[in-house]
Amino acid sequence: MTEQEPSRLDKRAVRRSFGRAAPAYDEVAVLQQEVGRRLLERLDYMRVAPRTVLDLGCGTGQVAEGLARRYRRALVTGIDIAESMLRLAAGRGPWWNRPRWAAGDIEVLPVRGGCADMILSNLTLQWCNDLPGVLGELRRALAPGGMLLFSTFGPDTLRELRAAWAAVDDHTHTNRFIDMHIIGDELLRAGFADPVMDMEHFTLTYKDVRALMCDLKAMGAHNVTAGRRRGLTGRGALARVEAEYEKLRRDGVLPATFEVIYGHAWAPQDSVEVQLEVRG
């Protein structure tokens, strides 16, 4: 990819966006928290006893706290690109197993190779420009036999908002999201064993388009692509977006779709032939 590609993420803008969102993040990130809970629940069906765990894109520490409570003897480390998120996470977790916190970018992890028995990442991969490179980093950080468990947004996410803006101009107004089959293929290429992928849709409702946009901004999840419009959006353009979106109003509210992809895979103990399983 090149810096000029419209869908490429501006990582400095990502860091600033989540940094500014940190103080109110836990109040508005309802979907992120729910997906985090569901991700942790998946561990009920996996017989693992990790000694070292990384929570990548840990935010304010909800998932890292859950991991520390679940694996009482494990050393849990939360890593996030926004230091203000980490300041809020500090002190979170059970007194008998406080997680550690570190600033870092998932695309260039500040850890040594083979240091983690488990890596968990909740709704973070969509904030990366180089998926093969990121998966290579995760594979590097996992010890032999270690497990990767993650969630990320799929291409149906914000489809209504994307379609409304497409009727107005040619700029990118939502971040890009990758299909789960592509993610599964890239897991195989990165050397992971036995990857399993599935997905589900969530529909949130809003009183109007501006409420949706305000929510996205408040949680740090607004558009940070290179092809985004610079400067303020004109009243006329916004009015046209609202008119397009209004066509979807049902029962007094507007829908916003989020496609959530779940995946898990393993770092092989040795050289093995790997196959992809897709559910749903």
Protein backbone atom coordinates (compact mmCIF):
# COMPACT_ATOMS: atom_id res chain seq x y z
CA MET A 1 0.00 0.00 0.00
CA THR A 2 1.02 3.61 -0.48
CA GLU A 3 0.32 6.65 1.64
CA GLN A 4 -1.86 8.02 -1.18
CA GLU A 5 -4.42 5.21 -1.10
CA PRO A 6 -7.76 6.68 0.08
CA SER A 7 -8.59 3.77 2.40
CA ARG A 8 -5.20 3.78 4.14
CA LEU A 9 -5.44 4.66 7.82
CA ASP A 10 -3.60 7.67 9.21
CA LYS A 11 -2.04 6.05 12.30
CA ARG A 12 -1.22 9.40 13.91
CA ALA A 13 -4.89 10.31 13.57
CA VAL A 14 -5.84 6.94 15.08
CA ARG A 15 -3.65 7.64 18.12
CA ARG A 16 -5.03 11.16 18.55
CA SER A 17 -8.60 10.02 18.07
CA PHE A 18 -8.50 7.34 20.75
CA GLY A 19 -6.47 9.58 23.03
CA ARG A 20 -9.17 12.23 22.93
CA ALA A 21 -11.92 9.63 23.32
CA ALA A 22 -10.42 8.03 26.44
CA PRO A 23 -12.23 10.02 29.18
CA ALA A 24 -15.73 9.12 27.92
CA TYR A 25 -14.86 5.84 26.22
CA ASP A 26 -16.40 3.45 28.75
CA GLU A 27 -19.68 5.39 28.66
CA VAL A 28 -20.17 5.12 24.88
CA ALA A 29 -18.31 1.97 23.79
CA VAL A 30 -21.26 -0.33 24.54
CA LEU A 31 -20.72 -2.56 21.51
CA GLN A 32 -16.99 -2.91 22.15
CA GLN A 33 -17.68 -3.97 25.73
CA GLU A 34 -20.30 -6.52 24.68
CA VAL A 35 -18.02 -8.04 22.05
CA GLY A 36 -15.22 -8.14 24.62
CA ARG A 37 -17.46 -10.11 26.99
CA ARG A 38 -18.39 -12.54 24.24
CA LEU A 39 -14.75 -12.97 23.30
CA LEU A 40 -13.86 -13.87 26.89
CA GLU A 41 -16.78 -16.30 27.05
CA ARG A 42 -15.26 -18.24 24.14
CA LEU A 43 -12.41 -19.17 26.44
CA ASP A 44 -14.89 -21.32 28.42
CA TYR A 45 -14.63 -23.89 25.62
CA MET A 46 -10.85 -23.87 25.25
CA ARG A 47 -8.60 -25.92 27.49
CA VAL A 48 -5.70 -23.55 27.93
CA ALA A 49 -3.64 -22.48 30.92
CA PRO A 50 -1.41 -19.64 29.72
CA ARG A 51 1.43 -18.29 31.82
CA THR A 52 1.78 -15.08 29.77
CA VAL A 53 -1.06 -13.24 28.02
CA LEU A 54 -1.08 -10.16 25.79
CA ASP A 55 -4.23 -8.04 25.33
CA LEU A 56 -3.58 -5.98 22.21
CA GLY A 57 -5.56 -2.77 21.77
CA CYS A 58 -6.53 -3.07 25.43
CA GLY A 59 -8.16 0.37 25.68
CA THR A 60 -9.26 1.07 29.25
CA GLY A 61 -8.53 -2.51 30.33
CA GLN A 62 -11.89 -4.30 30.44
CA VAL A 63 -10.69 -7.45 28.66
CA ALA A 64 -7.29 -7.48 30.37
CA GLU A 65 -9.07 -7.40 33.73
CA GLY A 66 -11.23 -10.35 32.67
CA LEU A 67 -8.13 -12.29 31.59
CA ALA A 68 -6.37 -11.58 34.90
CA ARG A 69 -9.38 -12.89 36.84
CA ARG A 70 -9.73 -15.97 34.65
CA TYR A 71 -6.06 -16.94 34.64
CA ARG A 72 -5.06 -16.23 38.24
CA ARG A 73 -1.43 -17.31 37.80
CA ALA A 74 -0.85 -15.66 34.42
CA LEU A 75 1.11 -12.49 33.75
CA VAL A 76 -1.31 -10.31 31.74
CA THR A 77 -0.03 -7.32 29.78
CA GLY A 78 -2.30 -4.81 28.05
CA ILE A 79 -0.86 -2.87 25.10
CA ASP A 80 -2.52 0.13 23.46
CA ILE A 81 -1.53 2.86 21.01
CA ALA A 82 -3.15 5.62 23.12
CA GLU A 83 -1.36 6.38 26.38
CA SER A 84 -4.41 8.17 27.80
CA MET A 85 -6.32 4.87 27.55
CA LEU A 86 -3.55 3.18 29.54
CA ARG A 87 -3.69 5.84 32.25
CA LEU A 88 -7.35 4.96 32.77
CA ALA A 89 -6.53 1.25 32.79
CA ALA A 90 -3.83 1.66 35.44
CA GLY A 91 -4.87 0.04 38.70
CA ARG A 92 -7.61 -1.99 37.04
CA GLY A 93 -7.85 -5.68 37.78
CA PRO A 94 -7.95 -7.92 40.85
CA TRP A 95 -5.55 -7.01 43.64
CA TRP A 96 -4.00 -10.47 43.50
CA ASN A 97 -3.18 -10.29 39.78
CA ARG A 98 -2.86 -6.74 38.45
CA PRO A 99 -2.21 -6.57 34.71
CA ARG A 100 0.77 -4.64 33.42
CA TRP A 101 0.30 -1.89 30.83
CA ALA A 102 2.50 -0.77 27.93
CA ALA A 103 2.20 1.71 25.07
CA GLY A 104 2.69 0.26 21.63
CA ASP A 105 1.35 -0.28 18.13
CA ILE A 106 0.02 -3.74 17.26
CA GLU A 107 1.78 -3.41 13.90
CA VAL A 108 5.19 -3.15 15.63
CA LEU A 109 4.85 -4.94 18.96
CA PRO A 110 7.27 -3.91 21.74
CA VAL A 111 7.82 -7.52 22.85
CA ARG A 112 10.37 -10.25 22.24
CA GLY A 113 9.58 -13.22 20.03
CA GLY A 114 7.83 -16.20 21.57
CA CYS A 115 6.97 -14.33 24.77
CA ALA A 116 3.20 -15.03 24.89
CA ASP A 117 1.23 -18.22 25.48
CA MET A 118 -1.95 -16.36 24.48
CA ILE A 119 -2.73 -13.22 22.50
CA LEU A 120 -6.20 -11.74 22.63
CA SER A 121 -7.31 -8.69 20.67
CA ASN A 122 -10.79 -7.17 20.77
CA LEU A 123 -11.83 -4.99 17.80
CA THR A 124 -8.34 -3.75 16.99
CA LEU A 125 -7.22 -5.41 13.74
CA GLN A 126 -9.42 -3.04 11.70
CA TRP A 127 -7.12 -0.20 12.81
CA CYS A 128 -4.14 -1.72 10.98
CA ASN A 129 -2.93 -0.98 7.46
CA ASP A 130 -0.87 -4.12 6.86
CA LEU A 131 -2.87 -7.22 7.84
CA PRO A 132 -0.20 -9.74 6.69
CA GLY A 133 2.44 -7.76 8.58
CA VAL A 134 0.32 -7.62 11.74
CA LEU A 135 -0.39 -11.34 11.68
CA GLY A 136 3.31 -11.94 11.18
CA GLU A 137 3.97 -9.88 14.31
CA LEU A 138 1.40 -11.84 16.29
CA ARG A 139 2.89 -15.12 15.08
CA ARG A 140 6.35 -13.88 16.10
CA ALA A 141 5.16 -13.01 19.62
CA LEU A 142 3.43 -16.35 20.25
CA ALA A 143 5.28 -19.23 21.85
CA PRO A 144 4.98 -22.66 20.16
CA GLY A 145 1.49 -23.99 20.87
CA GLY A 146 0.24 -20.52 21.84
CA MET A 147 -3.26 -19.32 20.93
CA LEU A 148 -4.51 -16.21 19.15
CA LEU A 149 -8.10 -15.13 19.80
CA PHE A 150 -9.50 -11.97 18.24
CA SER A 151 -12.50 -10.00 17.04
CA THR A 152 -12.61 -7.38 14.31
CA PHE A 153 -15.17 -5.56 12.19
CA GLY A 154 -16.20 -6.99 8.81
CA PRO A 155 -17.20 -5.22 5.56
CA ASP A 156 -20.92 -4.92 6.41
CA THR A 157 -20.01 -2.55 9.24
CA LEU A 158 -21.61 0.90 8.82
CA ARG A 159 -22.92 -0.12 5.40
CA GLU A 160 -25.86 2.26 5.75
CA LEU A 161 -23.65 5.25 6.50
CA ARG A 162 -21.25 4.35 3.70
CA ALA A 163 -24.11 4.09 1.18
CA ALA A 164 -25.59 7.43 2.27
CA TRP A 165 -22.25 9.21 1.80
CA ALA A 166 -21.66 7.49 -1.55
CA ALA A 167 -24.70 9.33 -2.88
CA VAL A 168 -23.08 12.65 -1.93
CA ASP A 169 -19.37 12.58 -2.86
CA ASP A 170 -16.38 10.36 -3.68
CA HIS A 171 -14.47 10.76 -0.41
CA THR A 172 -14.01 7.89 2.03
CA HIS A 173 -16.26 8.44 5.04
CA THR A 174 -15.88 5.13 6.87
CA ASN A 175 -12.85 2.99 7.56
CA ARG A 176 -12.25 -0.10 5.43
CA PHE A 177 -13.06 -3.54 6.81
CA ILE A 178 -11.74 -6.90 5.61
CA ASP A 179 -13.78 -10.02 4.79
CA MET A 180 -13.35 -12.93 7.19
CA HIS A 181 -12.31 -15.32 4.41
CA ILE A 182 -9.39 -13.03 3.55
CA ILE A 183 -8.40 -12.89 7.22
CA GLY A 184 -8.52 -16.67 7.40
CA ASP A 185 -6.32 -17.00 4.34
CA GLU A 186 -3.81 -14.53 5.79
CA LEU A 187 -3.68 -16.48 9.05
CA LEU A 188 -2.61 -19.52 7.06
CA ARG A 189 0.00 -17.54 5.15
CA ALA A 190 1.38 -16.20 8.43
CA GLY A 191 1.97 -19.75 9.61
CA PHE A 192 -0.90 -20.21 12.06
CA ALA A 193 -2.44 -23.65 12.51
CA ASP A 194 -6.13 -24.63 12.59
CA PRO A 195 -7.69 -21.17 12.17
CA VAL A 196 -11.44 -21.00 12.81
CA MET A 197 -13.55 -18.02 11.71
CA ASP A 198 -17.17 -17.02 12.31
CA MET A 199 -19.20 -13.83 12.47
CA GLU A 200 -22.39 -12.19 13.67
CA HIS A 201 -24.25 -8.96 12.98
CA PHE A 202 -25.28 -6.34 15.52
CA THR A 203 -27.77 -3.59 14.71
CA LEU A 204 -27.67 -0.45 16.84
CA THR A 205 -30.38 2.17 16.46
CA TYR A 206 -30.18 5.96 16.53
CA LYS A 207 -32.66 8.81 16.51
CA ASP A 208 -30.80 10.46 13.62
CA VAL A 209 -27.55 10.39 11.62
CA ARG A 210 -25.90 13.05 13.75
CA ALA A 211 -26.36 10.89 16.86
CA LEU A 212 -24.56 8.02 15.11
CA MET A 213 -21.72 10.30 14.02
CA CYS A 214 -21.39 11.74 17.52
CA ASP A 215 -21.21 8.23 18.98
CA LEU A 216 -18.48 7.22 16.53
CA LYS A 217 -16.48 10.32 17.37
CA ALA A 218 -16.95 9.92 21.12
CA MET A 219 -15.55 6.37 21.05
CA GLY A 220 -12.66 7.34 18.76
CA ALA A 221 -14.03 5.28 15.87
CA HIS A 222 -14.74 8.02 13.33
CA ASN A 223 -13.15 8.17 9.88
CA VAL A 224 -9.34 8.40 9.89
CA THR A 225 -8.60 7.26 6.33
CA ALA A 226 -6.19 9.13 4.08
CA GLY A 227 -9.03 9.81 1.63
CA ARG A 228 -11.28 11.49 4.18
CA ARG A 229 -12.55 15.00 3.53
CA ARG A 230 -10.25 17.62 5.08
CA GLY A 231 -11.98 20.47 6.83
CA LEU A 232 -15.61 20.86 7.79
CA THR A 233 -18.42 19.13 5.96
CA GLY A 234 -20.82 21.59 4.35
CA ARG A 235 -24.39 21.86 5.59
CA GLY A 236 -25.70 20.93 2.16
CA ALA A 237 -23.69 17.71 1.98
CA LEU A 238 -24.71 16.70 5.49
CA ALA A 239 -28.36 17.41 4.69
CA ARG A 240 -28.15 15.13 1.66
CA VAL A 241 -26.60 12.36 3.77
CA GLU A 242 -29.40 12.73 6.28
CA ALA A 243 -32.00 12.55 3.50
CA GLU A 244 -30.44 9.36 2.11
CA TYR A 245 -30.21 7.73 5.52
CA GLU A 246 -33.80 8.70 6.36
CA LYS A 247 -34.98 6.23 3.71
CA LEU A 248 -34.00 3.47 6.16
CA ARG A 249 -36.02 4.75 9.13
CA ARG A 250 -38.19 2.06 10.71
CA ASP A 251 -40.26 2.31 13.88
CA GLY A 252 -38.94 5.81 14.50
CA VAL A 253 -35.22 4.95 14.49
CA LEU A 254 -32.34 4.55 12.05
CA PRO A 255 -30.28 1.31 11.94
CA ALA A 256 -26.50 1.03 12.00
CA THR A 257 -25.09 -2.39 11.15
CA PHE A 258 -21.88 -3.77 12.65
CA GLU A 259 -20.46 -7.04 11.34
CA VAL A 260 -18.26 -8.63 14.00
CA ILE A 261 -15.79 -11.31 12.96
CA TYR A 262 -14.33 -13.73 15.50
CA GLY A 263 -11.29 -15.89 14.93
CA HIS A 264 -8.85 -18.09 16.73
CA ALA A 265 -5.75 -19.98 15.65
CA TRP A 266 -2.63 -21.59 17.07
CA ALA A 267 1.10 -21.22 16.75
CA PRO A 268 2.20 -24.71 15.66
CA GLN A 269 4.37 -26.78 17.95
CA ASP A 270 6.38 -27.64 14.85
CA SER A 271 5.98 -27.69 11.07
CA VAL A 272 2.48 -28.93 10.26
CA GLU A 273 0.00 -28.76 7.42
CA VAL A 274 -2.74 -26.28 8.32
CA GLN A 275 -6.30 -25.96 7.10
CA LEU A 276 -8.93 -23.26 7.52
CA GLU A 277 -12.35 -23.94 9.01
CA VAL A 278 -15.07 -21.34 8.42
CA ARG A 279 -18.34 -21.50 10.37
CA GLY A 280 -21.52 -19.85 9.25
